[in-house]
PDB file of all heavy atoms in Angstrom:
ATOM      1  N   ALA A   1       3.471  -4.326   1.730  1.00  0.00           N
ATOM      2  CA  ALA A   1       2.623  -3.586   0.810  1.00  0.00           C
ATOM      3  C   ALA A   1       1.336  -4.341   0.496  1.00  0.00           C
ATOM      4  O   ALA A   1       0.248  -3.751   0.503  1.00  0.00           O
ATOM      5  CB  ALA A   1       3.403  -3.307  -0.500  1.00  0.00           C
ATOM      6  N   ALA A   2       1.425  -5.655   0.278  1.00  0.00           N
ATOM      7  CA  ALA A   2       0.237  -6.456  -0.017  1.00  0.00           C
ATOM      8  C   ALA A   2      -0.702  -6.522   1.200  1.00  0.00           C
ATOM      9  O   ALA A   2      -1.921  -6.446   1.078  1.00  0.00           O
ATOM     10  CB  ALA A   2       0.638  -7.851  -0.442  1.00  0.00           C
ATOM     11  N   SER A   3      -0.109  -6.621   2.390  1.00  0.00           N
ATOM     12  CA  SER A   3      -0.905  -6.677   3.622  1.00  0.00           C
ATOM     13  C   SER A   3      -1.645  -5.339   3.842  1.00  0.00           C
ATOM     14  O   SER A   3      -2.831  -5.335   4.204  1.00  0.00           O
ATOM     15  CB  SER A   3      -0.018  -6.974   4.820  1.00  0.00           C
ATOM     16  OG  SER A   3       0.572  -8.262   4.679  1.00  0.00           O
ATOM     17  N   LEU A   4      -0.929  -4.247   3.617  1.00  0.00           N
ATOM     18  CA  LEU A   4      -1.577  -2.928   3.764  1.00  0.00           C
ATOM     19  C   LEU A   4      -2.635  -2.699   2.701  1.00  0.00           C
ATOM     20  O   LEU A   4      -3.705  -2.109   2.977  1.00  0.00           O
ATOM     21  CB  LEU A   4      -0.526  -1.825   3.714  1.00  0.00           C
ATOM     22  CG  LEU A   4       0.407  -1.756   4.935  1.00  0.00           C
ATOM     23  CD1 LEU A   4       1.527  -0.740   4.683  1.00  0.00           C
ATOM     24  CD2 LEU A   4      -0.355  -1.437   6.202  1.00  0.00           C
ATOM     25  N   ALA A   5      -2.425  -3.195   1.487  1.00  0.00           N
ATOM     26  CA  ALA A   5      -3.431  -3.086   0.431  1.00  0.00           C
ATOM     27  C   ALA A   5      -4.694  -3.845   0.823  1.00  0.00           C
ATOM     28  O   ALA A   5      -5.830  -3.367   0.564  1.00  0.00           O
ATOM     29  CB  ALA A   5      -2.885  -3.599  -0.899  1.00  0.00           C
ATOM     30  N   GLN A   6      -4.540  -5.003   1.440  1.00  0.00           N
ATOM     31  CA  GLN A   6      -5.718  -5.743   1.931  1.00  0.00           C
ATOM     32  C   GLN A   6      -6.451  -4.970   2.990  1.00  0.00           C
ATOM     33  O   GLN A   6      -7.690  -4.936   3.007  1.00  0.00           O
ATOM     34  CB  GLN A   6      -5.295  -7.108   2.448  1.00  0.00           C
ATOM     35  CG  GLN A   6      -4.962  -8.105   1.394  1.00  0.00           C
ATOM     36  CD  GLN A   6      -4.617  -9.484   1.951  1.00  0.00           C
ATOM     37  OE1 GLN A   6      -4.418  -9.648   3.148  1.00  0.00           O
ATOM     38  NE2 GLN A   6      -4.558 -10.464   1.068  1.00  0.00           N
ATOM     39  N   GLU A   7      -5.708  -4.346   3.889  1.00  0.00           N
ATOM     40  CA  GLU A   7      -6.324  -3.542   4.930  1.00  0.00           C
ATOM     41  C   GLU A   7      -7.100  -2.373   4.326  1.00  0.00           C
ATOM     42  O   GLU A   7      -8.173  -2.016   4.787  1.00  0.00           O
ATOM     43  CB  GLU A   7      -5.287  -3.012   5.927  1.00  0.00           C
ATOM     44  CG  GLU A   7      -4.840  -4.021   6.923  1.00  0.00           C
ATOM     45  CD  GLU A   7      -5.968  -4.534   7.820  1.00  0.00           C
ATOM     46  OE1 GLU A   7      -6.795  -3.718   8.297  1.00  0.00           O
ATOM     47  OE2 GLU A   7      -6.021  -5.747   8.051  1.00  0.00           O
ATOM     48  N   GLU A   8      -6.534  -1.774   3.292  1.00  0.00           N
ATOM     49  CA  GLU A   8      -7.210  -0.658   2.632  1.00  0.00           C
ATOM     50  C   GLU A   8      -8.523  -1.126   2.030  1.00  0.00           C
ATOM     51  O   GLU A   8      -9.561  -0.472   2.164  1.00  0.00           O
ATOM     52  CB  GLU A   8      -6.330  -0.034   1.549  1.00  0.00           C
ATOM     53  CG  GLU A   8      -7.019   1.108   0.841  1.00  0.00           C
ATOM     54  CD  GLU A   8      -6.302   1.576  -0.397  1.00  0.00           C
ATOM     55  OE1 GLU A   8      -5.717   0.732  -1.112  1.00  0.00           O
ATOM     56  OE2 GLU A   8      -6.366   2.797  -0.650  1.00  0.00           O
ATOM     57  N   LYS A   9      -8.525  -2.287   1.376  1.00  0.00           N
ATOM     58  CA  LYS A   9      -9.731  -2.814   0.757  1.00  0.00           C
ATOM     59  C   LYS A   9     -10.812  -3.115   1.809  1.00  0.00           C
ATOM     60  O   LYS A   9     -11.997  -2.983   1.515  1.00  0.00           O
ATOM     61  CB  LYS A   9      -9.424  -4.090  -0.023  1.00  0.00           C
ATOM     62  CG  LYS A   9      -8.696  -3.832  -1.319  1.00  0.00           C
ATOM     63  CD  LYS A   9      -8.381  -5.120  -2.055  1.00  0.00           C
ATOM     64  CE  LYS A   9      -7.570  -4.823  -3.291  1.00  0.00           C
ATOM     65  NZ  LYS A   9      -7.119  -6.027  -3.972  1.00  0.00           N
ATOM     66  N   LYS A  10     -10.396  -3.469   3.016  1.00  0.00           N
ATOM     67  CA  LYS A  10     -11.353  -3.748   4.090  1.00  0.00           C
ATOM     68  C   LYS A  10     -11.772  -2.474   4.816  1.00  0.00           C
ATOM     69  O   LYS A  10     -12.583  -2.528   5.721  1.00  0.00           O
ATOM     70  CB  LYS A  10     -10.730  -4.717   5.111  1.00  0.00           C
ATOM     71  CG  LYS A  10     -10.485  -6.095   4.566  1.00  0.00           C
ATOM     72  CD  LYS A  10     -10.067  -7.099   5.662  1.00  0.00           C
ATOM     73  CE  LYS A  10      -8.817  -6.732   6.364  1.00  0.00           C
ATOM     74  NZ  LYS A  10      -8.334  -7.743   7.314  1.00  0.00           N
ATOM     75  N   GLY A  11     -11.221  -1.341   4.417  1.00  0.00           N
ATOM     76  CA  GLY A  11     -11.553  -0.079   5.047  1.00  0.00           C
ATOM     77  C   GLY A  11     -10.766   0.191   6.329  1.00  0.00           C
ATOM     78  O   GLY A  11     -11.158   1.034   7.119  1.00  0.00           O
ATOM     79  N   GLY A  12      -9.633  -0.477   6.474  1.00  0.00           N
ATOM     80  CA  GLY A  12      -8.829  -0.330   7.683  1.00  0.00           C
ATOM     81  C   GLY A  12      -7.806   0.779   7.653  1.00  0.00           C
ATOM     82  O   GLY A  12      -7.123   1.012   8.650  1.00  0.00           O
ATOM     83  N   LEU A  13      -7.677   1.458   6.522  1.00  0.00           N
ATOM     84  CA  LEU A  13      -6.737   2.568   6.406  1.00  0.00           C
ATOM     85  C   LEU A  13      -7.463   3.805   5.932  1.00  0.00           C
ATOM     86  O   LEU A  13      -8.364   3.731   5.103  1.00  0.00           O
ATOM     87  CB  LEU A  13      -5.611   2.239   5.409  1.00  0.00           C
ATOM     88  CG  LEU A  13      -4.646   1.124   5.800  1.00  0.00           C
ATOM     89  CD1 LEU A  13      -3.726   0.806   4.637  1.00  0.00           C
ATOM     90  CD2 LEU A  13      -3.862   1.498   7.015  1.00  0.00           C
ATOM     91  N   LYS A  14      -7.063   4.929   6.461  1.00  0.00           N
ATOM     92  CA  LYS A  14      -7.638   6.201   6.029  1.00  0.00           C
ATOM     93  C   LYS A  14      -7.063   6.596   4.658  1.00  0.00           C
ATOM     94  O   LYS A  14      -7.766   7.148   3.812  1.00  0.00           O
ATOM     95  CB  LYS A  14      -7.300   7.269   7.079  1.00  0.00           C
ATOM     96  CG  LYS A  14      -7.909   8.601   6.830  1.00  0.00           C
ATOM     97  CD  LYS A  14      -7.605   9.550   7.979  1.00  0.00           C
ATOM     98  CE  LYS A  14      -8.189  10.905   7.743  1.00  0.00           C
ATOM     99  NZ  LYS A  14      -7.880  11.807   8.863  1.00  0.00           N
ATOM    100  N   HIS A  15      -5.792   6.272   4.452  1.00  0.00           N
ATOM    101  CA  HIS A  15      -5.095   6.600   3.216  1.00  0.00           C
ATOM    102  C   HIS A  15      -4.027   5.546   2.975  1.00  0.00           C
ATOM    103  O   HIS A  15      -3.393   5.072   3.904  1.00  0.00           O
ATOM    104  CB  HIS A  15      -4.424   7.990   3.351  1.00  0.00           C
ATOM    105  CG  HIS A  15      -3.377   8.281   2.301  1.00  0.00           C
ATOM    106  ND1 HIS A  15      -3.718   8.651   1.031  1.00  0.00           N
ATOM    107  CD2 HIS A  15      -2.034   8.226   2.359  1.00  0.00           C
ATOM    108  CE1 HIS A  15      -2.576   8.821   0.348  1.00  0.00           C
ATOM    109  NE2 HIS A  15      -1.557   8.571   1.128  1.00  0.00           N
ATOM    110  N   TYR A  16      -3.826   5.159   1.725  1.00  0.00           N
ATOM    111  CA  TYR A  16      -2.763   4.210   1.384  1.00  0.00           C
ATOM    112  C   TYR A  16      -2.281   4.505  -0.016  1.00  0.00           C
ATOM    113  O   TYR A  16      -3.064   4.722  -0.959  1.00  0.00           O
ATOM    114  CB  TYR A  16      -3.282   2.764   1.438  1.00  0.00           C
ATOM    115  CG  TYR A  16      -2.257   1.744   0.966  1.00  0.00           C
ATOM    116  CD1 TYR A  16      -1.131   1.460   1.701  1.00  0.00           C
ATOM    117  CD2 TYR A  16      -2.416   1.095  -0.267  1.00  0.00           C
ATOM    118  CE1 TYR A  16      -0.184   0.545   1.278  1.00  0.00           C
ATOM    119  CE2 TYR A  16      -1.481   0.191  -0.686  1.00  0.00           C
ATOM    120  CZ  TYR A  16      -0.375  -0.087   0.071  1.00  0.00           C
ATOM    121  OH  TYR A  16       0.564  -0.982  -0.373  1.00  0.00           O
ATOM    122  N   ARG A  17      -0.959   4.546  -0.155  1.00  0.00           N
ATOM    123  CA  ARG A  17      -0.320   4.738  -1.465  1.00  0.00           C
ATOM    124  C   ARG A  17       0.937   3.897  -1.521  1.00  0.00           C
ATOM    125  O   ARG A  17       1.709   3.876  -0.556  1.00  0.00           O
ATOM    126  CB  ARG A  17       0.020   6.212  -1.695  1.00  0.00           C
ATOM    127  CG  ARG A  17       0.601   6.486  -3.099  1.00  0.00           C
ATOM    128  CD  ARG A  17       0.926   7.937  -3.295  1.00  0.00           C
ATOM    129  NE  ARG A  17       2.152   8.360  -2.592  1.00  0.00           N
ATOM    130  CZ  ARG A  17       3.387   8.125  -3.042  1.00  0.00           C
ATOM    131  NH1 ARG A  17       3.583   7.458  -4.151  1.00  0.00           N
ATOM    132  NH2 ARG A  17       4.419   8.561  -2.369  1.00  0.00           N
ATOM    133  N   CYS A  18       1.117   3.213  -2.605  1.00  0.00           N
ATOM    134  CA  CYS A  18       2.315   2.405  -2.821  1.00  0.00           C
ATOM    135  C   CYS A  18       2.801   2.626  -4.226  1.00  0.00           C
ATOM    136  O   CYS A  18       2.042   2.477  -5.190  1.00  0.00           O
ATOM    137  CB  CYS A  18       2.017   0.928  -2.578  1.00  0.00           C
ATOM    138  SG  CYS A  18       3.436  -0.141  -2.852  1.00  0.00           S
ATOM    139  N   GLN A  19       4.068   2.995  -4.357  1.00  0.00           N
ATOM    140  CA  GLN A  19       4.661   3.219  -5.669  1.00  0.00           C
ATOM    141  C   GLN A  19       5.929   2.362  -5.778  1.00  0.00           C
ATOM    142  O   GLN A  19       6.855   2.497  -4.975  1.00  0.00           O
ATOM    143  CB  GLN A  19       5.005   4.683  -5.856  1.00  0.00           C
ATOM    144  CG  GLN A  19       5.549   5.010  -7.205  1.00  0.00           C
ATOM    145  CD  GLN A  19       5.783   6.516  -7.377  1.00  0.00           C
ATOM    146  OE1 GLN A  19       5.265   7.324  -6.628  1.00  0.00           O
ATOM    147  NE2 GLN A  19       6.556   6.854  -8.375  1.00  0.00           N
ATOM    148  N   MET A  20       5.926   1.444  -6.745  1.00  0.00           N
ATOM    149  CA  MET A  20       7.074   0.566  -6.957  1.00  0.00           C
ATOM    150  C   MET A  20       7.733   0.881  -8.305  1.00  0.00           C
ATOM    151  O   MET A  20       7.029   1.076  -9.288  1.00  0.00           O
ATOM    152  CB  MET A  20       6.634  -0.903  -6.985  1.00  0.00           C
ATOM    153  CG  MET A  20       6.244  -1.451  -5.659  1.00  0.00           C
ATOM    154  SD  MET A  20       5.989  -3.224  -5.772  1.00  0.00           S
ATOM    155  CE  MET A  20       4.468  -3.392  -4.876  1.00  0.00           C
ATOM    156  N   GLU A  21       9.030   0.932  -8.264  1.00  0.00           N
ATOM    157  CA  GLU A  21       9.851   1.062  -9.468  1.00  0.00           C
ATOM    158  C   GLU A  21      11.022   0.118  -9.319  1.00  0.00           C
ATOM    159  O   GLU A  21      11.289  -0.417  -8.225  1.00  0.00           O
ATOM    160  CB  GLU A  21      10.321   2.496  -9.638  1.00  0.00           C
ATOM    161  CG  GLU A  21       9.208   3.503  -9.847  1.00  0.00           C
ATOM    162  CD  GLU A  21       9.733   4.924  -9.969  1.00  0.00           C
ATOM    163  OE1 GLU A  21      10.948   5.114 -10.197  1.00  0.00           O
ATOM    164  OE2 GLU A  21       8.906   5.857  -9.833  1.00  0.00           O
ATOM    165  N   ASP A  22      11.770  -0.092 -10.371  1.00  0.00           N
ATOM    166  CA  ASP A  22      12.938  -0.956 -10.293  1.00  0.00           C
ATOM    167  C   ASP A  22      13.925  -0.375  -9.280  1.00  0.00           C
ATOM    168  O   ASP A  22      14.408   0.730  -9.430  1.00  0.00           O
ATOM    169  CB  ASP A  22      13.613  -1.082 -11.655  1.00  0.00           C
ATOM    170  CG  ASP A  22      14.784  -2.034 -11.629  1.00  0.00           C
ATOM    171  OD1 ASP A  22      14.688  -3.082 -10.931  1.00  0.00           O
ATOM    172  OD2 ASP A  22      15.794  -1.752 -12.295  1.00  0.00           O
ATOM    173  N   GLY A  23      14.164  -1.131  -8.224  1.00  0.00           N
ATOM    174  CA  GLY A  23      15.129  -0.713  -7.220  1.00  0.00           C
ATOM    175  C   GLY A  23      14.592   0.205  -6.147  1.00  0.00           C
ATOM    176  O   GLY A  23      15.341   0.663  -5.286  1.00  0.00           O
ATOM    177  N   SER A  24      13.267   0.459  -6.141  1.00  0.00           N
ATOM    178  CA  SER A  24      12.729   1.306  -5.060  1.00  0.00           C
ATOM    179  C   SER A  24      11.223   1.026  -4.848  1.00  0.00           C
ATOM    180  O   SER A  24      10.536   0.621  -5.766  1.00  0.00           O
ATOM    181  CB  SER A  24      12.956   2.784  -5.342  1.00  0.00           C
ATOM    182  OG  SER A  24      12.129   3.219  -6.398  1.00  0.00           O
ATOM    183  N   ILE A  25      10.808   1.301  -3.647  1.00  0.00           N
ATOM    184  CA  ILE A  25       9.386   1.238  -3.307  1.00  0.00           C
ATOM    185  C   ILE A  25       9.106   2.301  -2.245  1.00  0.00           C
ATOM    186  O   ILE A  25       9.950   2.504  -1.349  1.00  0.00           O
ATOM    187  CB  ILE A  25       8.963  -0.165  -2.842  1.00  0.00           C
ATOM    188  CG1 ILE A  25       7.463  -0.225  -2.602  1.00  0.00           C
ATOM    189  CG2 ILE A  25       9.729  -0.583  -1.608  1.00  0.00           C
ATOM    190  CD1 ILE A  25       6.932  -1.636  -2.365  1.00  0.00           C
ATOM    191  N   GLU A  26       8.002   2.979  -2.362  1.00  0.00           N
ATOM    192  CA  GLU A  26       7.587   3.945  -1.375  1.00  0.00           C
ATOM    193  C   GLU A  26       6.173   3.615  -0.946  1.00  0.00           C
ATOM    194  O   GLU A  26       5.308   3.400  -1.794  1.00  0.00           O
ATOM    195  CB  GLU A  26       7.643   5.364  -1.929  1.00  0.00           C
ATOM    196  CG  GLU A  26       9.053   5.879  -2.122  1.00  0.00           C
ATOM    197  CD  GLU A  26       9.081   7.346  -2.525  1.00  0.00           C
ATOM    198  OE1 GLU A  26       8.161   8.100  -2.142  1.00  0.00           O
ATOM    199  OE2 GLU A  26      10.029   7.724  -3.215  1.00  0.00           O
ATOM    200  N   ILE A  27       5.966   3.561   0.355  1.00  0.00           N
ATOM    201  CA  ILE A  27       4.654   3.260   0.921  1.00  0.00           C
ATOM    202  C   ILE A  27       4.296   4.401   1.863  1.00  0.00           C
ATOM    203  O   ILE A  27       5.113   4.796   2.690  1.00  0.00           O
ATOM    204  CB  ILE A  27       4.670   1.937   1.692  1.00  0.00           C
ATOM    205  CG1 ILE A  27       4.993   0.778   0.750  1.00  0.00           C
ATOM    206  CG2 ILE A  27       3.347   1.704   2.415  1.00  0.00           C
ATOM    207  CD1 ILE A  27       5.228  -0.539   1.470  1.00  0.00           C
TER     208      ILE A  27
END
């Protein structure tokens, strides 16, 4: 998730979403 977030900041992703909750994460 952190690596993809860095790629998004550099403009390397068209779309990025990450949702974290206790016991789950969706990317």
